[in-house]
Structures are given as structure tokens and as C-alpha cells.
Amino acid sequence: MESATVSHEDLTDQLRLVKLAGRLDMLGVGDIDLKFTTLTAARPIGVIVDLSEVSFLASIGIRSLISCARSLDGKGGRMVLMLGDNIPVRSTLETSGITELIPTFTDEAEARTALLS
């Protein structure tokens, strides 16, 4: 069974890219939740969460995204999601209504523009 992973890159002092990969189900979220929360909600910056390599997004994964986005928003930061051409994850997010809460973009350039505007 494939595990979830999280990695990041600070693009600028105020902009961070966090990449999630694998299955964001009960086990996967358990593997990455603390690190993901620390990377996304620790300080008021713009965060792009790259979901292009997520193979499965369960409700617990959606909950983690919403929780971190709200925490970041409460500190004065903003989160957007970058999906690439990940149709299954895009469909899950649209069906669940998350795209109304957290903006989604296809590529990093669009996501950066949205956060910096």
C-alpha cells in the first residue's frame, strides 16, 4: 500500500510550496498530518498545496486541508490548491464543495498570481 508523503520548498519569504503525494486516506493523513499542519499553518504566509501527485483523497484528507486553510487564514495567511491534471482529485474537491472554500488552480503560475494579488 502506498504511503502519503509531504515535502516543501520556500519559494520566497512569504510564499511556500507544499507537495503532497500518495493516498490521503486514514493511514496516509496519519503519516503526514503533523508535518503538513506545521508547514502550512505555522505563520502568516501564502501557501500553495500541490495535490498533483495525490492518488486518492478521502474525507479525512479533505478535513485536513480545510483545517489547515482555516488556521492559516486565522493568522492572516492564505492557502490555494494546485491540482495539475489530477482529474480524480479535482472531481472529489468539486463534488465536496471545497473549491468554494479554498481556491484551486491547474499550475503554479496561476496559484502564485492568486496569492500575490
N, C-alpha and C. Protein backbone atom coordinates (compact mmCIF):
# COMPACT_ATOMS: atom_id res chain seq x y z
N MET A 1 0.85 -1.18 0.00
CA MET A 1 0.00 0.00 0.00
C MET A 1 0.89 1.24 0.00
N GLU A 2 0.58 2.17 -0.86
CA GLU A 2 1.38 3.38 -0.99
C GLU A 2 1.10 4.33 0.17
N SER A 3 2.16 4.90 0.70
CA SER A 3 2.04 5.82 1.84
C SER A 3 2.00 7.25 1.33
N ALA A 4 1.49 8.14 2.16
CA ALA A 4 1.48 9.56 1.81
C ALA A 4 2.81 10.19 2.20
N THR A 5 3.21 11.19 1.43
CA THR A 5 4.43 11.94 1.74
C THR A 5 4.14 13.42 1.64
N VAL A 6 4.96 14.20 2.35
CA VAL A 6 4.86 15.65 2.29
C VAL A 6 6.27 16.22 2.19
N SER A 7 6.43 17.20 1.31
CA SER A 7 7.70 17.90 1.17
C SER A 7 7.37 19.37 0.91
N HIS A 8 8.37 20.22 1.04
CA HIS A 8 8.10 21.64 0.80
C HIS A 8 9.32 22.36 0.25
N GLU A 9 9.02 23.54 -0.29
CA GLU A 9 10.05 24.44 -0.79
C GLU A 9 9.58 25.86 -0.50
N ASP A 10 10.44 26.65 0.11
CA ASP A 10 10.11 28.05 0.31
C ASP A 10 10.49 28.80 -0.96
N LEU A 11 9.47 29.30 -1.66
CA LEU A 11 9.69 29.99 -2.93
C LEU A 11 10.19 31.42 -2.70
N THR A 12 9.65 32.06 -1.65
CA THR A 12 10.11 33.37 -1.18
C THR A 12 9.91 33.38 0.32
N ASP A 13 10.22 34.49 0.98
CA ASP A 13 9.99 34.60 2.42
C ASP A 13 8.51 34.51 2.77
N GLN A 14 7.65 34.86 1.83
CA GLN A 14 6.22 34.90 2.09
C GLN A 14 5.41 33.89 1.28
N LEU A 15 6.10 32.96 0.61
CA LEU A 15 5.40 32.01 -0.26
C LEU A 15 6.04 30.63 -0.15
N ARG A 16 5.24 29.64 0.22
CA ARG A 16 5.71 28.27 0.40
C ARG A 16 4.91 27.32 -0.49
N LEU A 17 5.63 26.38 -1.09
CA LEU A 17 5.01 25.32 -1.87
C LEU A 17 5.11 24.03 -1.05
N VAL A 18 3.96 23.42 -0.76
CA VAL A 18 3.92 22.15 -0.02
C VAL A 18 3.37 21.09 -0.96
N LYS A 19 4.16 20.03 -1.17
CA LYS A 19 3.76 18.96 -2.08
C LYS A 19 3.30 17.75 -1.29
N LEU A 20 2.08 17.30 -1.60
CA LEU A 20 1.55 16.09 -1.02
C LEU A 20 1.50 15.02 -2.11
N ALA A 21 1.78 13.79 -1.73
CA ALA A 21 1.74 12.70 -2.71
C ALA A 21 1.23 11.44 -2.01
N GLY A 22 0.66 10.53 -2.82
CA GLY A 22 0.17 9.27 -2.29
C GLY A 22 -1.30 9.33 -1.92
N ARG A 23 -1.70 8.45 -1.02
CA ARG A 23 -3.10 8.31 -0.62
C ARG A 23 -3.38 9.15 0.62
N LEU A 24 -4.31 10.09 0.51
CA LEU A 24 -4.72 10.88 1.67
C LEU A 24 -5.99 10.27 2.25
N ASP A 25 -5.81 9.06 2.78
CA ASP A 25 -6.87 8.35 3.48
C ASP A 25 -6.50 8.33 4.96
N MET A 26 -7.16 7.51 5.76
CA MET A 26 -6.90 7.48 7.20
C MET A 26 -5.42 7.25 7.51
N LEU A 27 -4.82 6.27 6.88
CA LEU A 27 -3.41 5.97 7.14
C LEU A 27 -2.49 7.05 6.60
N GLY A 28 -2.74 7.49 5.38
CA GLY A 28 -1.88 8.49 4.76
C GLY A 28 -1.88 9.81 5.51
N VAL A 29 -3.07 10.27 5.88
CA VAL A 29 -3.16 11.53 6.63
C VAL A 29 -2.47 11.37 7.99
N GLY A 30 -2.62 10.20 8.60
CA GLY A 30 -1.94 9.94 9.86
C GLY A 30 -0.43 10.07 9.72
N ASP A 31 0.11 9.65 8.57
CA ASP A 31 1.55 9.72 8.32
C ASP A 31 2.06 11.15 8.18
N ILE A 32 1.24 12.04 7.64
CA ILE A 32 1.74 13.38 7.27
C ILE A 32 1.10 14.53 8.04
N ASP A 33 0.07 14.28 8.82
CA ASP A 33 -0.75 15.36 9.38
C ASP A 33 0.04 16.38 10.18
N LEU A 34 0.88 15.95 11.10
CA LEU A 34 1.63 16.89 11.94
C LEU A 34 2.57 17.75 11.10
N LYS A 35 3.31 17.12 10.20
CA LYS A 35 4.24 17.88 9.35
C LYS A 35 3.48 18.83 8.42
N PHE A 36 2.38 18.35 7.85
CA PHE A 36 1.58 19.20 6.95
C PHE A 36 1.05 20.42 7.71
N THR A 37 0.52 20.19 8.89
CA THR A 37 -0.02 21.29 9.70
C THR A 37 1.08 22.29 10.04
N THR A 38 2.23 21.79 10.44
CA THR A 38 3.36 22.66 10.79
C THR A 38 3.80 23.50 9.59
N LEU A 39 3.87 22.87 8.42
CA LEU A 39 4.32 23.58 7.21
C LEU A 39 3.32 24.60 6.71
N THR A 40 2.04 24.36 6.93
CA THR A 40 1.03 25.24 6.34
C THR A 40 0.46 26.27 7.29
N ALA A 41 0.44 25.99 8.57
CA ALA A 41 -0.32 26.86 9.47
C ALA A 41 0.53 27.53 10.54
N ALA A 42 1.85 27.46 10.42
CA ALA A 42 2.72 27.98 11.48
C ALA A 42 2.85 29.51 11.45
N ARG A 43 2.83 30.09 10.26
CA ARG A 43 3.00 31.55 10.19
C ARG A 43 2.19 32.12 9.03
N PRO A 44 1.90 33.41 9.08
CA PRO A 44 1.00 34.03 8.08
C PRO A 44 1.68 34.27 6.73
N ILE A 45 1.70 33.26 5.89
CA ILE A 45 2.28 33.35 4.56
C ILE A 45 1.29 32.82 3.54
N GLY A 46 1.65 32.92 2.28
CA GLY A 46 0.88 32.29 1.22
C GLY A 46 1.38 30.88 1.03
N VAL A 47 0.48 29.91 0.95
CA VAL A 47 0.85 28.51 0.80
C VAL A 47 0.14 27.91 -0.41
N ILE A 48 0.93 27.35 -1.30
CA ILE A 48 0.40 26.58 -2.43
C ILE A 48 0.53 25.11 -2.04
N VAL A 49 -0.58 24.40 -2.00
CA VAL A 49 -0.55 22.97 -1.70
C VAL A 49 -0.71 22.22 -3.02
N ASP A 50 0.35 21.52 -3.42
CA ASP A 50 0.37 20.77 -4.67
C ASP A 50 -0.21 19.38 -4.44
N LEU A 51 -1.37 19.13 -5.04
CA LEU A 51 -2.04 17.84 -4.92
C LEU A 51 -1.93 17.02 -6.21
N SER A 52 -1.07 17.43 -7.12
CA SER A 52 -1.00 16.78 -8.43
C SER A 52 -0.55 15.32 -8.35
N GLU A 53 0.14 14.93 -7.27
CA GLU A 53 0.60 13.55 -7.14
C GLU A 53 -0.18 12.77 -6.07
N VAL A 54 -1.33 13.30 -5.66
CA VAL A 54 -2.19 12.58 -4.72
C VAL A 54 -3.01 11.58 -5.52
N SER A 55 -2.93 10.30 -5.12
CA SER A 55 -3.63 9.25 -5.88
C SER A 55 -5.05 9.00 -5.39
N PHE A 56 -5.33 9.38 -4.13
CA PHE A 56 -6.67 9.18 -3.57
C PHE A 56 -6.89 10.21 -2.47
N LEU A 57 -8.04 10.85 -2.48
CA LEU A 57 -8.37 11.88 -1.48
C LEU A 57 -9.65 11.48 -0.77
N ALA A 58 -9.52 11.05 0.49
CA ALA A 58 -10.67 10.66 1.30
C ALA A 58 -11.16 11.86 2.11
N SER A 59 -12.28 11.70 2.79
CA SER A 59 -12.85 12.80 3.57
C SER A 59 -11.90 13.28 4.66
N ILE A 60 -11.10 12.40 5.24
CA ILE A 60 -10.15 12.84 6.27
C ILE A 60 -9.06 13.73 5.66
N GLY A 61 -8.71 13.47 4.42
CA GLY A 61 -7.74 14.33 3.72
C GLY A 61 -8.34 15.70 3.44
N ILE A 62 -9.59 15.72 3.06
CA ILE A 62 -10.29 16.98 2.83
C ILE A 62 -10.37 17.77 4.14
N ARG A 63 -10.68 17.08 5.22
CA ARG A 63 -10.76 17.73 6.53
C ARG A 63 -9.42 18.37 6.91
N SER A 64 -8.34 17.67 6.64
CA SER A 64 -7.01 18.19 6.95
C SER A 64 -6.73 19.47 6.14
N LEU A 65 -7.09 19.46 4.86
CA LEU A 65 -6.90 20.65 4.02
C LEU A 65 -7.70 21.84 4.56
N ILE A 66 -8.97 21.61 4.90
CA ILE A 66 -9.82 22.68 5.41
C ILE A 66 -9.29 23.21 6.74
N SER A 67 -8.91 22.30 7.62
CA SER A 67 -8.41 22.70 8.94
C SER A 67 -7.17 23.58 8.82
N CYS A 68 -6.24 23.17 7.98
CA CYS A 68 -5.01 23.96 7.80
C CYS A 68 -5.30 25.29 7.12
N ALA A 69 -6.20 25.29 6.14
CA ALA A 69 -6.55 26.54 5.46
C ALA A 69 -7.18 27.52 6.43
N ARG A 70 -8.07 27.04 7.29
CA ARG A 70 -8.73 27.92 8.27
C ARG A 70 -7.73 28.45 9.29
N SER A 71 -6.84 27.60 9.75
CA SER A 71 -5.82 28.02 10.71
C SER A 71 -4.91 29.09 10.10
N LEU A 72 -4.50 28.86 8.88
CA LEU A 72 -3.64 29.82 8.17
C LEU A 72 -4.37 31.13 7.97
N ASP A 73 -5.63 31.06 7.57
CA ASP A 73 -6.45 32.25 7.37
C ASP A 73 -6.58 33.05 8.67
N GLY A 74 -6.74 32.34 9.78
CA GLY A 74 -6.85 33.00 11.07
C GLY A 74 -5.60 33.74 11.48
N LYS A 75 -4.47 33.34 10.92
CA LYS A 75 -3.19 34.01 11.21
C LYS A 75 -2.87 35.11 10.19
N GLY A 76 -3.73 35.25 9.18
CA GLY A 76 -3.51 36.27 8.17
C GLY A 76 -2.85 35.76 6.91
N GLY A 77 -2.70 34.46 6.78
CA GLY A 77 -2.14 33.87 5.56
C GLY A 77 -3.24 33.38 4.64
N ARG A 78 -2.83 32.79 3.51
CA ARG A 78 -3.81 32.26 2.56
C ARG A 78 -3.29 30.96 1.96
N MET A 79 -4.20 30.06 1.68
CA MET A 79 -3.87 28.78 1.04
C MET A 79 -4.63 28.64 -0.26
N VAL A 80 -3.93 28.11 -1.26
CA VAL A 80 -4.57 27.71 -2.51
C VAL A 80 -4.12 26.29 -2.83
N LEU A 81 -4.88 25.61 -3.65
CA LEU A 81 -4.55 24.25 -4.05
C LEU A 81 -4.15 24.23 -5.52
N MET A 82 -3.11 23.49 -5.82
CA MET A 82 -2.65 23.31 -7.20
C MET A 82 -2.88 21.84 -7.56
N LEU A 83 -3.64 21.60 -8.62
CA LEU A 83 -4.06 20.24 -8.94
C LEU A 83 -3.39 19.64 -10.17
N GLY A 84 -2.74 20.46 -10.99
CA GLY A 84 -2.20 19.93 -12.23
C GLY A 84 -3.32 19.33 -13.05
N ASP A 85 -3.08 18.15 -13.62
CA ASP A 85 -4.12 17.48 -14.41
C ASP A 85 -4.71 16.29 -13.63
N ASN A 86 -4.76 16.40 -12.32
CA ASN A 86 -5.28 15.33 -11.46
C ASN A 86 -6.81 15.38 -11.43
N ILE A 87 -7.42 14.74 -12.42
CA ILE A 87 -8.88 14.77 -12.58
C ILE A 87 -9.62 14.12 -11.41
N PRO A 88 -9.18 12.95 -10.90
CA PRO A 88 -9.91 12.35 -9.76
C PRO A 88 -9.94 13.25 -8.52
N VAL A 89 -8.83 13.87 -8.19
CA VAL A 89 -8.80 14.76 -7.02
C VAL A 89 -9.62 16.01 -7.28
N ARG A 90 -9.52 16.57 -8.48
CA ARG A 90 -10.34 17.75 -8.83
C ARG A 90 -11.82 17.42 -8.68
N SER A 91 -12.22 16.27 -9.18
CA SER A 91 -13.61 15.85 -9.10
C SER A 91 -14.06 15.70 -7.64
N THR A 92 -13.24 15.08 -6.82
CA THR A 92 -13.56 14.92 -5.40
C THR A 92 -13.73 16.28 -4.72
N LEU A 93 -12.82 17.19 -4.99
CA LEU A 93 -12.89 18.53 -4.38
C LEU A 93 -14.13 19.29 -4.85
N GLU A 94 -14.43 19.21 -6.13
CA GLU A 94 -15.61 19.91 -6.66
C GLU A 94 -16.90 19.31 -6.10
N THR A 95 -16.97 18.00 -6.04
CA THR A 95 -18.16 17.32 -5.53
C THR A 95 -18.41 17.67 -4.07
N SER A 96 -17.33 17.78 -3.30
CA SER A 96 -17.47 18.06 -1.87
C SER A 96 -17.65 19.56 -1.58
N GLY A 97 -17.49 20.40 -2.58
CA GLY A 97 -17.69 21.83 -2.40
C GLY A 97 -16.48 22.57 -1.86
N ILE A 98 -15.35 21.90 -1.74
CA ILE A 98 -14.15 22.53 -1.17
C ILE A 98 -13.62 23.64 -2.07
N THR A 99 -13.86 23.52 -3.36
CA THR A 99 -13.37 24.55 -4.27
C THR A 99 -14.03 25.91 -4.00
N GLU A 100 -15.16 25.91 -3.28
CA GLU A 100 -15.79 27.17 -2.87
C GLU A 100 -15.07 27.79 -1.67
N LEU A 101 -14.37 26.96 -0.89
CA LEU A 101 -13.67 27.42 0.31
C LEU A 101 -12.20 27.72 0.07
N ILE A 102 -11.55 26.87 -0.72
CA ILE A 102 -10.13 27.01 -1.00
C ILE A 102 -9.96 27.09 -2.51
N PRO A 103 -9.42 28.20 -3.02
CA PRO A 103 -9.25 28.32 -4.47
C PRO A 103 -8.35 27.22 -5.04
N THR A 104 -8.70 26.73 -6.22
CA THR A 104 -7.91 25.70 -6.88
C THR A 104 -7.40 26.20 -8.23
N PHE A 105 -6.20 25.75 -8.58
CA PHE A 105 -5.56 26.17 -9.82
C PHE A 105 -4.89 24.97 -10.47
N THR A 106 -4.67 25.08 -11.76
CA THR A 106 -4.05 24.00 -12.51
C THR A 106 -2.54 24.04 -12.38
N ASP A 107 -1.95 25.23 -12.40
CA ASP A 107 -0.49 25.29 -12.36
C ASP A 107 0.04 26.30 -11.34
N GLU A 108 1.33 26.22 -11.11
CA GLU A 108 1.97 27.05 -10.08
C GLU A 108 1.90 28.54 -10.41
N ALA A 109 2.02 28.90 -11.67
CA ALA A 109 1.98 30.31 -12.06
C ALA A 109 0.64 30.94 -11.67
N GLU A 110 -0.46 30.24 -11.97
CA GLU A 110 -1.79 30.74 -11.60
C GLU A 110 -1.92 30.86 -10.08
N ALA A 111 -1.44 29.85 -9.39
CA ALA A 111 -1.54 29.83 -7.92
C ALA A 111 -0.75 30.98 -7.30
N ARG A 112 0.47 31.21 -7.79
CA ARG A 112 1.30 32.31 -7.31
C ARG A 112 0.62 33.65 -7.53
N THR A 113 0.09 33.84 -8.73
CA THR A 113 -0.58 35.10 -9.07
C THR A 113 -1.75 35.35 -8.11
N ALA A 114 -2.52 34.31 -7.83
CA ALA A 114 -3.67 34.46 -6.93
C ALA A 114 -3.23 34.84 -5.52
N LEU A 115 -2.15 34.24 -5.03
CA LEU A 115 -1.68 34.54 -3.67
C LEU A 115 -1.03 35.90 -3.56
N LEU A 116 -0.40 36.35 -4.63
CA LEU A 116 0.32 37.62 -4.57
C LEU A 116 -0.56 38.81 -4.92
N SER A 117 -1.79 38.56 -5.37
CA SER A 117 -2.67 39.68 -5.74
C SER A 117 -3.40 40.23 -4.55
